Amino acid sequence: MGELTDWLNQASSGDVGAANQAFDRVYAELKRIAQRSLGSQGCATLSATALVHEAFLKLLPGTAPPLQDRQHFFRLAARAMRQIIIDEARRRAAEKRGGDVIHTDLAGAIGHGVESRVSDLLAIDQALDRLEARDPGLTRIVEAHFFAGLTFEEIALDLGTSDRSVRREWETARAFLLRELQEAAPP
């Protein structure tokens, strides 16, 4: 295991110095991921900095299993960012009847003009939960690409597979999500 993984595991056990070292090491990359994730969502109440801080804090509780490596940490970070973005969407929807609009790029990514309201983001989250029940690997690819903003090349490197395989699995996940969203849409 690398130095970063050791720091992250020590931080999970309550070592504040290790948490600071780990945060310094991953901050720039997490911020880049958060900026990509939030880039087209128009979420005025959630900044990339806030998303990074919340995701990092979410990853440090002592109940988390030990990290295997750097890639494992970034997979967990993508999941944490998804959860935070969805929680923010729920909060905004509850804040005011109808909620404010959150623009996402998944609508474009799945190839159709799905309106990007809060309810759509929540429908995407539910569809992702159904996808995860069928194929957790496909869900990891969607989370990494859509919520963490990783490129297919970065995902392939993380998964130890080819860019071509990741793109093929992305298309499978995209088709599944599109079908799920169309079935969930009111007539």
Protein backbone atom coordinates (compact mmCIF):
# COMPACT_ATOMS: atom_id res chain seq x y z
CA MET A 1 0.00 0.00 0.00
CA GLY A 2 1.09 3.53 -0.65
CA GLU A 3 1.71 6.36 1.73
CA LEU A 4 -1.66 7.98 0.90
CA THR A 5 -3.55 4.77 1.67
CA ASP A 6 -1.73 4.46 4.99
CA TRP A 7 -2.61 8.06 5.91
CA LEU A 8 -6.25 7.55 4.95
CA ASN A 9 -6.51 4.38 7.01
CA GLN A 10 -4.84 6.08 9.99
CA ALA A 11 -7.19 9.04 9.57
CA SER A 12 -10.17 6.66 9.69
CA SER A 13 -8.86 5.50 13.05
CA GLY A 14 -8.86 9.07 14.37
CA ASP A 15 -5.29 10.23 13.62
CA VAL A 16 -5.74 13.96 12.93
CA GLY A 17 -2.18 14.42 11.63
CA ALA A 18 -2.67 11.61 9.10
CA ALA A 19 -6.02 13.13 8.07
CA ASN A 20 -4.33 16.47 7.42
CA GLN A 21 -1.55 14.81 5.39
CA ALA A 22 -4.06 12.80 3.35
CA PHE A 23 -6.29 15.82 2.76
CA ASP A 24 -3.33 17.90 1.56
CA ARG A 25 -2.36 15.11 -0.83
CA VAL A 26 -5.80 14.57 -2.40
CA TYR A 27 -7.36 18.04 -2.13
CA ALA A 28 -6.41 19.30 -5.60
CA GLU A 29 -7.60 16.14 -7.33
CA LEU A 30 -10.84 16.00 -5.33
CA LYS A 31 -11.50 19.66 -6.11
CA ARG A 32 -10.95 19.02 -9.83
CA ILE A 33 -13.39 16.10 -9.65
CA ALA A 34 -15.94 18.18 -7.72
CA GLN A 35 -15.70 21.05 -10.20
CA ARG A 36 -16.35 18.66 -13.07
CA SER A 37 -19.22 17.06 -11.18
CA LEU A 38 -20.89 20.37 -10.34
CA GLY A 39 -19.82 22.17 -13.52
CA SER A 40 -23.11 22.09 -15.34
CA GLN A 41 -25.48 21.50 -12.46
CA GLY A 42 -26.01 25.14 -11.57
CA CYS A 43 -26.15 24.26 -7.90
CA ALA A 44 -25.62 27.69 -6.36
CA THR A 45 -25.80 26.42 -2.79
CA LEU A 46 -23.11 23.75 -3.15
CA SER A 47 -19.62 24.79 -4.23
CA ALA A 48 -16.84 22.49 -5.34
CA THR A 49 -14.94 23.36 -2.16
CA ALA A 50 -17.91 22.45 0.03
CA LEU A 51 -18.43 19.21 -1.91
CA VAL A 52 -14.77 18.24 -1.42
CA HIS A 53 -14.86 18.96 2.30
CA GLU A 54 -18.13 17.12 2.83
CA ALA A 55 -16.99 14.12 0.79
CA PHE A 56 -13.67 13.91 2.63
CA LEU A 57 -15.39 14.11 6.02
CA LYS A 58 -17.87 11.45 4.94
CA LEU A 59 -14.98 9.12 4.13
CA LEU A 60 -13.23 9.43 7.50
CA PRO A 61 -15.61 7.92 10.07
CA GLY A 62 -14.01 5.11 12.07
CA THR A 63 -16.68 2.67 10.88
CA ALA A 64 -15.39 2.69 7.30
CA PRO A 65 -13.53 -0.44 6.19
CA PRO A 66 -9.79 -0.05 5.55
CA LEU A 67 -8.87 1.29 2.14
CA GLN A 68 -7.13 -1.03 -0.27
CA ASP A 69 -5.40 1.59 -2.38
CA ARG A 70 -5.65 5.07 -3.88
CA GLN A 71 -8.19 3.96 -6.50
CA HIS A 72 -10.42 2.51 -3.78
CA PHE A 73 -10.39 5.91 -2.07
CA PHE A 74 -11.42 7.72 -5.26
CA ARG A 75 -14.20 5.18 -5.94
CA LEU A 76 -15.52 5.88 -2.44
CA ALA A 77 -15.13 9.63 -3.04
CA ALA A 78 -17.26 9.37 -6.20
CA ARG A 79 -19.95 7.54 -4.20
CA ALA A 80 -19.79 10.15 -1.42
CA MET A 81 -20.12 12.99 -3.95
CA ARG A 82 -23.16 11.29 -5.48
CA GLN A 83 -24.77 11.00 -2.05
CA ILE A 84 -24.03 14.63 -1.19
CA ILE A 85 -25.39 15.94 -4.50
CA ILE A 86 -28.55 13.85 -4.10
CA ASP A 87 -28.98 14.99 -0.49
CA GLU A 88 -28.63 18.61 -1.66
CA ALA A 89 -31.26 18.00 -4.35
CA ARG A 90 -33.63 16.54 -1.75
CA ARG A 91 -33.01 19.47 0.58
CA ARG A 92 -33.73 21.96 -2.18
CA ALA A 93 -36.89 20.11 -3.21
CA ALA A 94 -38.15 20.12 0.36
CA GLU A 95 -37.22 23.78 0.77
CA LYS A 96 -39.88 24.97 -1.56
CA ARG A 97 -42.70 23.23 -3.38
CA GLY A 98 -41.31 22.19 -6.74
CA GLY A 99 -37.76 22.98 -5.67
CA ASP A 100 -35.21 24.92 -7.65
CA VAL A 101 -33.76 23.66 -10.89
CA ILE A 102 -30.52 21.71 -10.82
CA HIS A 103 -28.95 21.28 -14.25
CA THR A 104 -27.12 18.02 -14.80
CA ASP A 105 -25.13 16.76 -17.74
CA LEU A 106 -26.42 13.18 -17.42
CA ALA A 107 -29.38 14.15 -19.59
CA GLY A 108 -26.95 14.89 -22.40
CA ALA A 109 -24.83 11.90 -21.51
CA ILE A 110 -27.75 9.50 -21.92
CA GLY A 111 -28.60 11.14 -25.20
CA HIS A 112 -32.03 12.66 -24.64
CA GLY A 113 -33.41 15.99 -23.49
CA VAL A 114 -34.55 14.87 -20.05
CA GLU A 115 -35.41 17.99 -18.05
CA SER A 116 -32.92 18.48 -15.28
CA ARG A 117 -35.13 19.34 -12.36
CA VAL A 118 -34.60 18.09 -8.85
CA SER A 119 -37.18 15.38 -9.40
CA ASP A 120 -35.20 14.18 -12.42
CA LEU A 121 -32.00 13.99 -10.39
CA LEU A 122 -33.85 11.96 -7.76
CA ALA A 123 -35.24 9.68 -10.49
CA ILE A 124 -31.68 9.19 -11.77
CA ASP A 125 -30.59 8.24 -8.25
CA GLN A 126 -33.40 5.67 -8.00
CA ALA A 127 -32.51 4.27 -11.42
CA LEU A 128 -28.88 4.00 -10.30
CA ASP A 129 -30.02 2.05 -7.23
CA ARG A 130 -31.85 -0.39 -9.51
CA LEU A 131 -28.78 -0.65 -11.74
CA GLU A 132 -26.61 -1.35 -8.70
CA ALA A 133 -28.89 -4.21 -7.70
CA ARG A 134 -28.29 -5.76 -11.13
CA ASP A 135 -24.66 -4.82 -11.77
CA PRO A 136 -22.62 -2.88 -9.18
CA GLY A 137 -19.73 -2.54 -11.65
CA LEU A 138 -21.84 -0.54 -14.08
CA THR A 139 -22.98 1.72 -11.25
CA ARG A 140 -19.35 2.40 -10.29
CA ILE A 141 -18.64 3.48 -13.86
CA VAL A 142 -21.64 5.86 -13.89
CA GLU A 143 -20.68 7.31 -10.49
CA ALA A 144 -17.08 7.76 -11.54
CA HIS A 145 -17.96 9.37 -14.87
CA PHE A 146 -21.03 11.41 -13.97
CA PHE A 147 -20.66 12.25 -10.29
CA ALA A 148 -16.87 12.32 -10.01
CA GLY A 149 -16.26 13.58 -13.54
CA LEU A 150 -13.57 11.03 -14.35
CA THR A 151 -12.74 10.32 -17.98
CA PHE A 152 -13.15 6.85 -19.44
CA GLU A 153 -9.37 6.58 -19.55
CA GLU A 154 -9.12 7.37 -15.82
CA ILE A 155 -11.85 4.85 -15.01
CA ALA A 156 -10.15 2.18 -17.11
CA LEU A 157 -6.87 2.77 -15.31
CA ASP A 158 -8.64 2.54 -11.96
CA LEU A 159 -10.43 -0.68 -12.90
CA GLY A 160 -7.40 -2.23 -14.58
CA THR A 161 -9.22 -2.69 -17.85
CA SER A 162 -9.25 -1.10 -21.27
CA ASP A 163 -10.79 2.22 -22.22
CA ARG A 164 -12.83 0.33 -24.81
CA SER A 165 -14.32 -1.98 -22.16
CA VAL A 166 -15.27 0.96 -19.97
CA ARG A 167 -16.93 2.72 -22.91
CA ARG A 168 -18.86 -0.45 -23.79
CA GLU A 169 -20.04 -0.82 -20.17
CA TRP A 170 -20.92 2.91 -20.07
CA GLU A 171 -23.17 2.38 -23.12
CA THR A 172 -24.82 -0.58 -21.37
CA ALA A 173 -25.40 1.47 -18.21
CA ARG A 174 -26.62 4.44 -20.23
CA ALA A 175 -29.16 2.28 -22.09
CA PHE A 176 -30.39 0.78 -18.82
CA LEU A 177 -30.75 4.21 -17.19
CA LEU A 178 -32.53 5.65 -20.22
CA ARG A 179 -35.01 2.76 -20.22
CA GLU A 180 -35.57 3.13 -16.46
CA LEU A 181 -36.09 6.88 -16.72
CA GLN A 182 -38.50 6.52 -19.63
CA GLU A 183 -40.53 3.91 -17.73
CA ALA A 184 -40.62 6.14 -14.64
CA ALA A 185 -41.67 9.25 -16.58
CA PRO A 186 -45.35 10.16 -16.42
CA PRO A 187 -47.19 9.58 -19.72
